[in-house]
Amino acid sequence: MYGFFIDFDNNGRADFVVVIEEPTGKSSLVSYYNNFARDSYYISAAIYTSYSNAFGSQVYGASARGIYTTLSDKKYAFVANQITRTSFCNLQPPVAEYVIGRSNNYIEDFTVTYHNQEYNEFGEKIRLNVEQAAWSPIIPNSNLLIEINEPSSIDWTIQLLINPTDSFLLVGIILSLILILIGGIIIYIHLKEKKEDEESRNPQLDFF
């Protein structure tokens, strides 16, 4: 029996996938959904390459790490690995994902690391290159797409699967309407109080 944790429905709660062996000798896949702690956060990163002959290919063995802050203002480091292999009955999450839990801050020093093995013309190993790139800050509950097409990590790119800036116009319109409504209420109350003061004023007390 073996399995791994993954957030199926992107709700910040770690679900569990396990492979079990039935009495008949057959293997079956069982998923367990976590319905507790509904106010948790997660971070998910899909690391891929876009070479012309392997566009969108998954990068095996890449890892992501970062620092998150808890509600008690304590900082913790986390590490998440993307799938390393698919053979020999291996079961691993397809993306680098980590369930943060409850947090009230951004993710700091989000770093992606990839080991690139070089070979000579005879197929012998020459050297192991380690490339990494860091981005900060990262919003929790983000699904990240990281492209490591270039050999140097300087040219690696990161994208949000969902761009939060798409809602800026709608948020601005709603806030403007709310401000106009509040301003209208304030002006109405001011005019009403001014009218009441004029009606209750005694003309005999006006000496000037």
N, C-alpha and C. Protein backbone atom coordinates (compact mmCIF):
# COMPACT_ATOMS: atom_id res chain seq x y z
N MET A 1 0.85 -1.19 0.00
CA MET A 1 0.00 0.00 0.00
C MET A 1 0.89 1.24 0.00
N TYR A 2 0.57 2.20 -0.86
CA TYR A 2 1.33 3.42 -0.94
C TYR A 2 0.42 4.53 -1.46
N GLY A 3 0.82 5.78 -1.25
CA GLY A 3 -0.03 6.89 -1.68
C GLY A 3 0.68 8.21 -1.53
N PHE A 4 -0.05 9.29 -1.72
CA PHE A 4 0.51 10.62 -1.59
C PHE A 4 -0.62 11.60 -1.28
N PHE A 5 -0.23 12.78 -0.79
CA PHE A 5 -1.17 13.85 -0.48
C PHE A 5 -1.26 14.81 -1.67
N ILE A 6 -2.46 15.27 -1.97
CA ILE A 6 -2.67 16.26 -3.02
C ILE A 6 -4.02 16.94 -2.76
N ASP A 7 -4.10 18.17 -3.17
CA ASP A 7 -5.34 18.95 -3.01
C ASP A 7 -6.14 18.83 -4.30
N PHE A 8 -7.14 17.93 -4.33
CA PHE A 8 -7.90 17.68 -5.54
C PHE A 8 -8.69 18.91 -6.00
N ASP A 9 -9.42 19.52 -5.07
CA ASP A 9 -10.37 20.57 -5.41
C ASP A 9 -9.85 21.97 -5.11
N ASN A 10 -8.55 22.12 -4.86
CA ASN A 10 -7.93 23.44 -4.65
C ASN A 10 -8.65 24.26 -3.59
N ASN A 11 -8.91 23.64 -2.44
CA ASN A 11 -9.57 24.35 -1.35
C ASN A 11 -8.64 24.55 -0.15
N GLY A 12 -7.35 24.25 -0.33
CA GLY A 12 -6.41 24.45 0.76
C GLY A 12 -6.37 23.33 1.77
N ARG A 13 -7.05 22.23 1.49
CA ARG A 13 -7.05 21.08 2.40
C ARG A 13 -6.43 19.89 1.69
N ALA A 14 -5.48 19.24 2.36
CA ALA A 14 -4.75 18.13 1.75
C ALA A 14 -5.63 16.89 1.69
N ASP A 15 -5.91 16.42 0.48
CA ASP A 15 -6.61 15.15 0.29
C ASP A 15 -5.57 14.03 0.17
N PHE A 16 -6.05 12.79 0.15
CA PHE A 16 -5.13 11.65 0.19
C PHE A 16 -5.53 10.62 -0.86
N VAL A 17 -4.54 10.16 -1.61
CA VAL A 17 -4.73 9.11 -2.61
C VAL A 17 -3.88 7.92 -2.19
N VAL A 18 -4.47 6.75 -2.21
CA VAL A 18 -3.75 5.56 -1.77
C VAL A 18 -4.09 4.39 -2.69
N VAL A 19 -3.10 3.57 -2.96
CA VAL A 19 -3.29 2.34 -3.72
C VAL A 19 -3.30 1.18 -2.74
N ILE A 20 -4.36 0.41 -2.75
CA ILE A 20 -4.50 -0.71 -1.83
C ILE A 20 -4.62 -2.01 -2.62
N GLU A 21 -4.25 -3.09 -1.97
CA GLU A 21 -4.34 -4.40 -2.60
C GLU A 21 -5.55 -5.14 -2.05
N GLU A 22 -6.44 -5.51 -2.91
CA GLU A 22 -7.66 -6.21 -2.51
C GLU A 22 -7.37 -7.68 -2.21
N PRO A 23 -8.29 -8.37 -1.49
CA PRO A 23 -8.07 -9.79 -1.19
C PRO A 23 -7.90 -10.65 -2.44
N THR A 24 -8.43 -10.18 -3.56
CA THR A 24 -8.30 -10.94 -4.80
C THR A 24 -6.93 -10.79 -5.44
N GLY A 25 -6.10 -9.91 -4.89
CA GLY A 25 -4.77 -9.69 -5.44
C GLY A 25 -4.69 -8.51 -6.38
N LYS A 26 -5.82 -7.91 -6.74
CA LYS A 26 -5.84 -6.76 -7.62
C LYS A 26 -5.62 -5.48 -6.83
N SER A 27 -5.06 -4.50 -7.48
CA SER A 27 -4.83 -3.20 -6.85
C SER A 27 -5.94 -2.23 -7.25
N SER A 28 -6.31 -1.37 -6.33
CA SER A 28 -7.34 -0.37 -6.60
C SER A 28 -6.90 0.96 -6.02
N LEU A 29 -7.37 2.02 -6.66
CA LEU A 29 -7.02 3.38 -6.26
C LEU A 29 -8.18 3.98 -5.46
N VAL A 30 -7.88 4.49 -4.27
CA VAL A 30 -8.90 5.05 -3.37
C VAL A 30 -8.51 6.48 -3.04
N SER A 31 -9.48 7.37 -3.10
CA SER A 31 -9.25 8.78 -2.79
C SER A 31 -10.04 9.16 -1.53
N TYR A 32 -9.41 9.93 -0.66
CA TYR A 32 -10.04 10.42 0.56
C TYR A 32 -10.03 11.95 0.51
N TYR A 33 -11.22 12.53 0.61
CA TYR A 33 -11.34 13.99 0.58
C TYR A 33 -11.37 14.54 2.00
N ASN A 34 -10.63 15.62 2.20
CA ASN A 34 -10.55 16.27 3.51
C ASN A 34 -11.59 17.39 3.57
N ASN A 35 -12.52 17.28 4.52
CA ASN A 35 -13.59 18.26 4.65
C ASN A 35 -13.45 19.12 5.91
N PHE A 36 -12.27 19.16 6.50
CA PHE A 36 -12.04 19.93 7.71
C PHE A 36 -11.19 21.16 7.39
N ALA A 37 -11.14 22.08 8.33
CA ALA A 37 -10.30 23.29 8.23
C ALA A 37 -10.51 23.98 6.89
N ARG A 38 -11.69 24.58 6.73
CA ARG A 38 -12.07 25.15 5.44
C ARG A 38 -11.36 26.46 5.11
N ASP A 39 -10.64 27.05 6.04
CA ASP A 39 -9.99 28.33 5.77
C ASP A 39 -8.49 28.17 5.59
N SER A 40 -8.07 27.09 4.96
CA SER A 40 -6.65 26.83 4.73
C SER A 40 -6.24 27.31 3.35
N TYR A 41 -4.92 27.43 3.16
CA TYR A 41 -4.36 27.87 1.89
C TYR A 41 -3.40 26.82 1.34
N TYR A 42 -3.10 26.95 0.05
CA TYR A 42 -2.19 26.03 -0.61
C TYR A 42 -1.37 26.79 -1.64
N ILE A 43 -0.36 26.12 -2.18
CA ILE A 43 0.42 26.64 -3.29
C ILE A 43 0.69 25.48 -4.24
N SER A 44 0.48 25.70 -5.52
CA SER A 44 0.64 24.64 -6.51
C SER A 44 1.47 25.19 -7.68
N ALA A 45 2.48 24.42 -8.10
CA ALA A 45 3.36 24.85 -9.19
C ALA A 45 3.53 23.71 -10.19
N ALA A 46 3.20 23.98 -11.44
CA ALA A 46 3.43 23.04 -12.54
C ALA A 46 4.66 23.51 -13.30
N ILE A 47 5.72 22.72 -13.25
CA ILE A 47 7.00 23.08 -13.85
C ILE A 47 7.14 22.32 -15.15
N TYR A 48 7.32 23.04 -16.26
CA TYR A 48 7.34 22.39 -17.57
C TYR A 48 8.36 23.06 -18.47
N THR A 49 8.60 22.42 -19.61
CA THR A 49 9.49 22.97 -20.63
C THR A 49 8.73 23.16 -21.91
N SER A 50 9.19 24.09 -22.74
CA SER A 50 8.49 24.37 -23.99
C SER A 50 9.44 24.31 -25.17
N TYR A 51 10.37 23.36 -25.12
CA TYR A 51 11.22 23.15 -26.29
C TYR A 51 10.36 22.76 -27.48
N SER A 52 10.84 23.06 -28.68
CA SER A 52 10.04 22.85 -29.89
C SER A 52 9.65 21.39 -30.07
N ASN A 53 10.49 20.47 -29.60
CA ASN A 53 10.18 19.06 -29.78
C ASN A 53 9.51 18.44 -28.56
N ALA A 54 9.27 19.24 -27.54
CA ALA A 54 8.63 18.70 -26.33
C ALA A 54 7.82 19.78 -25.65
N PHE A 55 6.95 20.45 -26.40
CA PHE A 55 6.20 21.57 -25.84
C PHE A 55 5.26 21.09 -24.73
N GLY A 56 5.31 21.77 -23.61
CA GLY A 56 4.43 21.44 -22.50
C GLY A 56 4.82 20.19 -21.74
N SER A 57 6.03 19.70 -21.97
CA SER A 57 6.46 18.47 -21.28
C SER A 57 6.72 18.75 -19.81
N GLN A 58 6.34 17.79 -18.99
CA GLN A 58 6.58 17.91 -17.57
C GLN A 58 8.05 17.73 -17.27
N VAL A 59 8.54 18.50 -16.31
CA VAL A 59 9.93 18.38 -15.89
C VAL A 59 9.98 17.44 -14.69
N TYR A 60 10.68 16.35 -14.83
CA TYR A 60 10.75 15.37 -13.75
C TYR A 60 11.83 15.75 -12.75
N GLY A 61 11.47 15.63 -11.48
CA GLY A 61 12.43 15.84 -10.41
C GLY A 61 12.63 17.28 -9.99
N ALA A 62 11.89 18.22 -10.56
CA ALA A 62 12.02 19.61 -10.12
C ALA A 62 11.38 19.79 -8.74
N SER A 63 11.86 20.75 -8.02
CA SER A 63 11.35 21.00 -6.67
C SER A 63 11.07 22.48 -6.47
N ALA A 64 10.16 22.76 -5.56
CA ALA A 64 9.80 24.15 -5.21
C ALA A 64 9.83 24.29 -3.70
N ARG A 65 10.34 25.40 -3.25
CA ARG A 65 10.37 25.66 -1.81
C ARG A 65 10.11 27.13 -1.57
N GLY A 66 9.74 27.44 -0.33
CA GLY A 66 9.44 28.82 0.03
C GLY A 66 9.27 28.95 1.52
N ILE A 67 8.86 30.13 1.94
CA ILE A 67 8.64 30.43 3.36
C ILE A 67 7.25 31.01 3.52
N TYR A 68 6.47 30.45 4.43
CA TYR A 68 5.14 30.97 4.71
C TYR A 68 5.04 31.38 6.17
N THR A 69 4.07 32.24 6.47
CA THR A 69 3.89 32.79 7.80
C THR A 69 2.55 32.33 8.37
N THR A 70 2.55 31.84 9.61
CA THR A 70 1.33 31.40 10.26
C THR A 70 0.61 32.57 10.90
N LEU A 71 -0.57 32.30 11.47
CA LEU A 71 -1.34 33.34 12.13
C LEU A 71 -0.64 33.87 13.38
N SER A 72 0.24 33.06 13.96
CA SER A 72 1.00 33.50 15.14
C SER A 72 2.29 34.21 14.75
N ASP A 73 2.42 34.59 13.47
CA ASP A 73 3.56 35.35 12.96
C ASP A 73 4.87 34.56 13.04
N LYS A 74 4.79 33.25 12.90
CA LYS A 74 5.98 32.41 12.83
C LYS A 74 6.21 31.98 11.39
N LYS A 75 7.47 31.96 10.99
CA LYS A 75 7.82 31.61 9.62
C LYS A 75 8.33 30.17 9.54
N TYR A 76 7.86 29.45 8.52
CA TYR A 76 8.28 28.07 8.30
C TYR A 76 8.64 27.88 6.84
N ALA A 77 9.61 27.02 6.61
CA ALA A 77 10.01 26.68 5.24
C ALA A 77 9.27 25.42 4.80
N PHE A 78 8.99 25.34 3.50
CA PHE A 78 8.34 24.15 2.95
C PHE A 78 9.05 23.75 1.66
N VAL A 79 8.96 22.47 1.33
CA VAL A 79 9.53 21.92 0.10
C VAL A 79 8.50 21.02 -0.54
N ALA A 80 8.30 21.19 -1.84
CA ALA A 80 7.37 20.35 -2.60
C ALA A 80 8.06 19.87 -3.87
N ASN A 81 7.95 18.58 -4.16
CA ASN A 81 8.61 17.98 -5.31
C ASN A 81 7.60 17.62 -6.38
N GLN A 82 7.99 17.87 -7.63
CA GLN A 82 7.18 17.41 -8.75
C GLN A 82 7.54 15.95 -9.04
N ILE A 83 6.68 15.26 -9.75
CA ILE A 83 6.85 13.84 -10.01
C ILE A 83 8.26 13.54 -10.53
N THR A 84 8.87 12.48 -10.00
CA THR A 84 10.24 12.12 -10.39
C THR A 84 10.27 11.00 -11.42
N ARG A 85 9.29 10.12 -11.40
CA ARG A 85 9.23 9.04 -12.40
C ARG A 85 7.82 8.47 -12.42
N THR A 86 7.52 7.72 -13.44
CA THR A 86 6.19 7.12 -13.60
C THR A 86 6.25 5.60 -13.69
N SER A 87 7.43 5.02 -13.61
CA SER A 87 7.57 3.57 -13.76
C SER A 87 7.69 2.88 -12.40
N PHE A 88 7.69 1.55 -12.42
CA PHE A 88 7.86 0.72 -11.23
C PHE A 88 6.79 1.02 -10.18
N CYS A 89 5.55 1.09 -10.65
CA CYS A 89 4.39 1.27 -9.74
C CYS A 89 4.55 2.49 -8.85
N ASN A 90 5.13 3.53 -9.41
CA ASN A 90 5.35 4.74 -8.64
C ASN A 90 4.10 5.62 -8.68
N LEU A 91 3.76 6.21 -7.54
CA LEU A 91 2.59 7.09 -7.45
C LEU A 91 3.01 8.38 -6.77
N GLN A 92 3.07 9.45 -7.55
CA GLN A 92 3.47 10.75 -7.04
C GLN A 92 2.57 11.83 -7.63
N PRO A 93 2.45 12.97 -6.95
CA PRO A 93 1.62 14.05 -7.50
C PRO A 93 2.23 14.61 -8.77
N PRO A 94 1.42 14.97 -9.76
CA PRO A 94 1.96 15.48 -11.04
C PRO A 94 2.54 16.88 -10.94
N VAL A 95 2.21 17.62 -9.91
CA VAL A 95 2.71 18.98 -9.73
C VAL A 95 3.32 19.11 -8.35
N ALA A 96 4.13 20.15 -8.18
CA ALA A 96 4.68 20.45 -6.86
C ALA A 96 3.65 21.22 -6.06
N GLU A 97 3.11 20.59 -5.05
CA GLU A 97 2.01 21.20 -4.29
C GLU A 97 2.26 21.06 -2.81
N TYR A 98 1.89 22.11 -2.08
CA TYR A 98 2.06 22.10 -0.63
C TYR A 98 0.87 22.79 0.01
N VAL A 99 0.30 22.17 1.02
CA VAL A 99 -0.81 22.75 1.76
C VAL A 99 -0.25 23.57 2.92
N ILE A 100 -0.46 24.87 2.86
CA ILE A 100 0.13 25.79 3.84
C ILE A 100 -0.65 25.79 5.15
N GLY A 101 -1.95 25.70 5.08
CA GLY A 101 -2.77 25.83 6.27
C GLY A 101 -3.25 27.27 6.42
N ARG A 102 -3.41 27.71 7.62
CA ARG A 102 -3.87 29.07 7.86
C ARG A 102 -2.71 30.05 7.85
N SER A 103 -2.88 31.10 7.07
CA SER A 103 -1.82 32.10 6.94
C SER A 103 -2.44 33.45 6.66
N ASN A 104 -1.70 34.51 7.01
CA ASN A 104 -2.18 35.87 6.77
C ASN A 104 -1.13 36.72 6.07
N ASN A 105 -0.26 36.05 5.30
CA ASN A 105 0.81 36.80 4.65
C ASN A 105 1.16 36.13 3.32
N TYR A 106 2.01 36.80 2.55
CA TYR A 106 2.46 36.26 1.28
C TYR A 106 3.49 35.15 1.50
N ILE A 107 3.74 34.38 0.45
CA ILE A 107 4.80 33.38 0.46
C ILE A 107 6.08 34.07 0.02
N GLU A 108 7.12 33.92 0.79
CA GLU A 108 8.39 34.60 0.53
C GLU A 108 9.40 33.62 -0.07
N ASP A 109 10.30 34.18 -0.89
CA ASP A 109 11.43 33.43 -1.46
C ASP A 109 10.98 32.11 -2.09
N PHE A 110 9.97 32.20 -2.94
CA PHE A 110 9.52 30.99 -3.65
C PHE A 110 10.58 30.63 -4.69
N THR A 111 11.21 29.47 -4.53
CA THR A 111 12.37 29.07 -5.34
C THR A 111 12.11 27.74 -6.02
N VAL A 112 12.41 27.68 -7.31
CA VAL A 112 12.31 26.45 -8.09
C VAL A 112 13.71 25.98 -8.44
N THR A 113 13.99 24.70 -8.20
CA THR A 113 15.31 24.11 -8.44
C THR A 113 15.18 22.94 -9.41
N TYR A 114 16.11 22.88 -10.36
CA TYR A 114 16.11 21.79 -11.34
C TYR A 114 17.54 21.32 -11.56
N HIS A 115 17.74 19.99 -11.49
CA HIS A 115 19.06 19.39 -11.71
C HIS A 115 19.14 18.89 -13.15
N ASN A 116 20.14 19.35 -13.87
CA ASN A 116 20.31 18.99 -15.27
C ASN A 116 21.61 18.20 -15.43
N GLN A 117 21.48 16.94 -15.81
CA GLN A 117 22.65 16.07 -15.99
C GLN A 117 23.19 16.19 -17.42
N GLU A 118 24.48 16.46 -17.53
CA GLU A 118 25.12 16.54 -18.84
C GLU A 118 25.86 15.24 -19.16
N TYR A 119 25.83 14.84 -20.46
CA TYR A 119 26.50 13.63 -20.93
C TYR A 119 27.42 13.98 -22.09
N ASN A 120 28.45 13.15 -22.29
CA ASN A 120 29.32 13.32 -23.45
C ASN A 120 28.80 12.49 -24.62
N GLU A 121 29.56 12.45 -25.70
CA GLU A 121 29.11 11.73 -26.89
C GLU A 121 29.06 10.22 -26.70
N PHE A 122 29.70 9.72 -25.64
CA PHE A 122 29.68 8.29 -25.37
C PHE A 122 28.59 7.90 -24.36
N GLY A 123 27.79 8.89 -23.93
CA GLY A 123 26.72 8.61 -22.98
C GLY A 123 27.18 8.58 -21.55
N GLU A 124 28.39 9.04 -21.30
CA GLU A 124 28.90 9.07 -19.93
C GLU A 124 28.54 10.40 -19.26
N LYS A 125 28.32 10.32 -17.98
CA LYS A 125 27.98 11.52 -17.23
C LYS A 125 29.20 12.42 -17.09
N ILE A 126 28.97 13.72 -17.36
CA ILE A 126 30.06 14.69 -17.24
C ILE A 126 29.92 15.49 -15.95
N ARG A 127 28.83 16.21 -15.84
CA ARG A 127 28.61 17.05 -14.67
C ARG A 127 27.12 17.19 -14.42
N LEU A 128 26.81 17.53 -13.19
CA LEU A 128 25.42 17.77 -12.78
C LEU A 128 25.25 19.25 -12.51
N ASN A 129 24.47 19.91 -13.35
CA ASN A 129 24.22 21.34 -13.19
C ASN A 129 22.96 21.56 -12.37
N VAL A 130 23.04 22.51 -11.46
CA VAL A 130 21.90 22.86 -10.62
C VAL A 130 21.49 24.29 -10.94
N GLU A 131 20.29 24.45 -11.47
CA GLU A 131 19.76 25.78 -11.79
C GLU A 131 18.57 26.07 -10.89
N GLN A 132 18.47 27.30 -10.44
CA GLN A 132 17.33 27.68 -9.62
C GLN A 132 16.99 29.15 -9.82
N ALA A 133 15.73 29.45 -9.64
CA ALA A 133 15.23 30.82 -9.77
C ALA A 133 14.25 31.08 -8.63
N ALA A 134 14.22 32.33 -8.17
CA ALA A 134 13.37 32.70 -7.02
C ALA A 134 12.48 33.87 -7.39
N TRP A 135 11.28 33.85 -6.84
CA TRP A 135 10.31 34.95 -7.01
C TRP A 135 9.69 35.25 -5.65
N SER A 136 9.38 36.51 -5.43
CA SER A 136 8.78 36.91 -4.15
C SER A 136 8.15 38.29 -4.32
N PRO A 137 6.98 38.52 -3.71
CA PRO A 137 6.15 37.56 -2.97
C PRO A 137 5.17 36.83 -3.87
N ILE A 138 4.60 35.74 -3.36
CA ILE A 138 3.62 34.95 -4.07
C ILE A 138 2.33 34.91 -3.24
N ILE A 139 1.21 35.12 -3.89
CA ILE A 139 -0.08 35.09 -3.20
C ILE A 139 -0.46 33.64 -2.89
N PRO A 140 -0.87 33.32 -1.67
CA PRO A 140 -1.36 31.96 -1.38
C PRO A 140 -2.57 31.61 -2.24
N ASN A 141 -2.86 30.33 -2.33
CA ASN A 141 -3.94 29.82 -3.19
C ASN A 141 -3.68 30.15 -4.66
N SER A 142 -2.41 30.08 -5.07
CA SER A 142 -2.04 30.36 -6.44
C SER A 142 -1.68 29.07 -7.16
N ASN A 143 -2.12 28.96 -8.41
CA ASN A 143 -1.69 27.89 -9.30
C ASN A 143 -0.68 28.48 -10.27
N LEU A 144 0.57 28.07 -10.14
CA LEU A 144 1.65 28.68 -10.89
C LEU A 144 2.08 27.79 -12.05
N LEU A 145 2.40 28.43 -13.17
CA LEU A 145 2.99 27.76 -14.32
C LEU A 145 4.40 28.29 -14.50
N ILE A 146 5.39 27.43 -14.37
CA ILE A 146 6.79 27.84 -14.42
C ILE A 146 7.45 27.18 -15.62
N GLU A 147 7.93 28.00 -16.53
CA GLU A 147 8.56 27.51 -17.75
C GLU A 147 10.08 27.61 -17.61
N ILE A 148 10.77 26.48 -17.73
CA ILE A 148 12.23 26.46 -17.61
C ILE A 148 12.83 26.09 -18.97
N ASN A 149 12.33 26.73 -20.01
CA ASN A 149 12.76 26.43 -21.36
C ASN A 149 14.25 26.71 -21.56
N GLU A 150 14.73 27.81 -21.01
CA GLU A 150 16.11 28.21 -21.22
C GLU A 150 17.05 27.46 -20.27
N PRO A 151 18.28 27.17 -20.73
CA PRO A 151 19.24 26.48 -19.85
C PRO A 151 19.58 27.28 -18.60
N SER A 152 19.61 28.60 -18.73
CA SER A 152 19.94 29.44 -17.58
C SER A 152 18.66 29.86 -16.87
N SER A 153 18.70 29.80 -15.55
CA SER A 153 17.52 30.14 -14.76
C SER A 153 17.17 31.62 -14.82
N ILE A 154 18.07 32.44 -15.36
CA ILE A 154 17.79 33.88 -15.46
C ILE A 154 16.59 34.12 -16.38
N ASP A 155 16.43 33.25 -17.38
CA ASP A 155 15.37 33.43 -18.37
C ASP A 155 14.13 32.60 -18.08
N TRP A 156 14.06 31.96 -16.92
CA TRP A 156 12.85 31.22 -16.56
C TRP A 156 11.71 32.20 -16.31
N THR A 157 10.51 31.76 -16.60
CA THR A 157 9.34 32.63 -16.43
C THR A 157 8.32 31.96 -15.53
N ILE A 158 7.53 32.77 -14.87
CA ILE A 158 6.47 32.28 -13.99
C ILE A 158 5.18 33.01 -14.33
N GLN A 159 4.08 32.28 -14.33
CA GLN A 159 2.77 32.86 -14.64
C GLN A 159 1.74 32.32 -13.67
N LEU A 160 0.75 33.16 -13.42
CA LEU A 160 -0.39 32.73 -12.63
C LEU A 160 -1.43 32.12 -13.56
N LEU A 161 -1.95 30.95 -13.18
CA LEU A 161 -2.97 30.32 -14.00
C LEU A 161 -4.22 31.18 -14.05
N ILE A 162 -4.51 31.86 -12.95
CA ILE A 162 -5.62 32.81 -12.89
C ILE A 162 -5.03 34.16 -12.54
N ASN A 163 -5.25 35.15 -13.40
CA ASN A 163 -4.68 36.48 -13.21
C ASN A 163 -5.62 37.32 -12.36
N PRO A 164 -5.22 37.70 -11.13
CA PRO A 164 -6.13 38.49 -10.28
C PRO A 164 -6.40 39.89 -10.81
N THR A 165 -5.55 40.42 -11.71
CA THR A 165 -5.77 41.77 -12.21
C THR A 165 -6.96 41.85 -13.16
N ASP A 166 -7.48 40.71 -13.59
CA ASP A 166 -8.64 40.73 -14.48
C ASP A 166 -9.88 41.32 -13.79
N SER A 167 -9.91 41.29 -12.47
CA SER A 167 -11.07 41.77 -11.73
C SER A 167 -10.92 43.19 -11.22
N PHE A 168 -9.79 43.84 -11.54
CA PHE A 168 -9.55 45.19 -11.02
C PHE A 168 -10.61 46.17 -11.50
N LEU A 169 -11.02 46.10 -12.76
CA LEU A 169 -12.00 47.02 -13.30
C LEU A 169 -13.35 46.85 -12.59
N LEU A 170 -13.77 45.60 -12.42
CA LEU A 170 -15.03 45.35 -11.73
C LEU A 170 -14.98 45.82 -10.29
N VAL A 171 -13.87 45.56 -9.61
CA VAL A 171 -13.73 46.00 -8.22
C VAL A 171 -13.75 47.53 -8.15
N GLY A 172 -13.09 48.21 -9.11
CA GLY A 172 -13.08 49.67 -9.12
C GLY A 172 -14.47 50.25 -9.32
N ILE A 173 -15.26 49.65 -10.22
CA ILE A 173 -16.63 50.12 -10.46
C ILE A 173 -17.49 49.95 -9.21
N ILE A 174 -17.38 48.80 -8.58
CA ILE A 174 -18.18 48.54 -7.37
C ILE A 174 -17.80 49.50 -6.25
N LEU A 175 -16.49 49.72 -6.05
CA LEU A 175 -16.06 50.65 -5.01
C LEU A 175 -16.53 52.07 -5.30
N SER A 176 -16.52 52.48 -6.57
CA SER A 176 -16.99 53.82 -6.93
C SER A 176 -18.48 53.97 -6.62
N LEU A 177 -19.28 52.96 -6.95
CA LEU A 177 -20.71 53.01 -6.65
C LEU A 177 -20.96 53.07 -5.15
N ILE A 178 -20.18 52.32 -4.39
CA ILE A 178 -20.34 52.35 -2.93
C ILE A 178 -20.01 53.73 -2.37
N LEU A 179 -18.93 54.34 -2.88
CA LEU A 179 -18.54 55.68 -2.41
C LEU A 179 -19.60 56.72 -2.77
N ILE A 180 -20.17 56.61 -3.98
CA ILE A 180 -21.24 57.54 -4.39
C ILE A 180 -22.46 57.37 -3.48
N LEU A 181 -22.80 56.13 -3.17
CA LEU A 181 -23.95 55.88 -2.31
C LEU A 181 -23.73 56.44 -0.91
N ILE A 182 -22.54 56.20 -0.36
CA ILE A 182 -22.24 56.72 0.98
C ILE A 182 -22.23 58.25 0.97
N GLY A 183 -21.64 58.86 -0.08
CA GLY A 183 -21.64 60.32 -0.17
C GLY A 183 -23.04 60.88 -0.27
N GLY A 184 -23.93 60.24 -1.02
CA GLY A 184 -25.32 60.70 -1.11
C GLY A 184 -26.03 60.63 0.22
N ILE A 185 -25.78 59.57 0.98
CA ILE A 185 -26.40 59.44 2.31
C ILE A 185 -25.91 60.54 3.24
N ILE A 186 -24.60 60.83 3.21
CA ILE A 186 -24.04 61.88 4.07
C ILE A 186 -24.64 63.24 3.72
N ILE A 187 -24.75 63.56 2.42
CA ILE A 187 -25.33 64.84 2.00
C ILE A 187 -26.79 64.94 2.41
N TYR A 188 -27.55 63.86 2.26
CA TYR A 188 -28.97 63.87 2.65
C TYR A 188 -29.13 64.12 4.14
N ILE A 189 -28.33 63.44 4.96
CA ILE A 189 -28.43 63.63 6.42
C ILE A 189 -28.03 65.06 6.80
N HIS A 190 -27.00 65.61 6.13
CA HIS A 190 -26.57 66.98 6.42
C HIS A 190 -27.67 67.99 6.09
N LEU A 191 -28.29 67.86 4.94
CA LEU A 191 -29.37 68.79 4.56
C LEU A 191 -30.57 68.64 5.47
N LYS A 192 -30.86 67.41 5.88
CA LYS A 192 -32.00 67.19 6.77
C LYS A 192 -31.77 67.84 8.13
N GLU A 193 -30.56 67.70 8.67
CA GLU A 193 -30.25 68.32 9.96
C GLU A 193 -30.25 69.84 9.84
N LYS A 194 -29.78 70.36 8.74
CA LYS A 194 -29.77 71.82 8.54
C LYS A 194 -31.18 72.36 8.48
N LYS A 195 -32.08 71.64 7.82
CA LYS A 195 -33.47 72.08 7.74
C LYS A 195 -34.14 72.04 9.10
N GLU A 196 -33.86 71.00 9.88
CA GLU A 196 -34.43 70.90 11.22
C GLU A 196 -33.92 72.02 12.12
N ASP A 197 -32.64 72.39 11.98
CA ASP A 197 -32.09 73.48 12.79
C ASP A 197 -32.76 74.80 12.45
N GLU A 198 -33.02 75.03 11.16
CA GLU A 198 -33.68 76.28 10.76
C GLU A 198 -35.10 76.34 11.26
N GLU A 199 -35.80 75.21 11.28
CA GLU A 199 -37.18 75.20 11.75
C GLU A 199 -37.27 75.39 13.26
N SER A 200 -36.28 74.91 13.99
CA SER A 200 -36.31 75.02 15.46
C SER A 200 -35.66 76.30 15.97
N ARG A 201 -35.14 77.12 15.08
CA ARG A 201 -34.50 78.34 15.51
C ARG A 201 -35.51 79.39 15.93
N ASN A 202 -35.26 80.12 17.04
CA ASN A 202 -36.15 81.16 17.55
C ASN A 202 -35.70 82.52 17.00
N PRO A 203 -36.53 83.18 16.16
CA PRO A 203 -36.11 84.47 15.57
C PRO A 203 -35.86 85.56 16.61
N GLN A 204 -36.48 85.44 17.81
CA GLN A 204 -36.29 86.49 18.81
C GLN A 204 -34.87 86.49 19.37
N LEU A 205 -34.17 85.37 19.21
CA LEU A 205 -32.80 85.31 19.72
C LEU A 205 -31.76 85.84 18.73
N ASP A 206 -32.23 86.25 17.55
CA ASP A 206 -31.32 86.78 16.54
C ASP A 206 -31.11 88.28 16.79
N PHE A 207 -29.99 88.67 17.35
CA PHE A 207 -29.73 90.07 17.65
C PHE A 207 -29.03 90.77 16.48
N PHE A 208 -28.51 90.02 15.57
CA PHE A 208 -27.79 90.64 14.47
C PHE A 208 -28.46 90.24 13.16
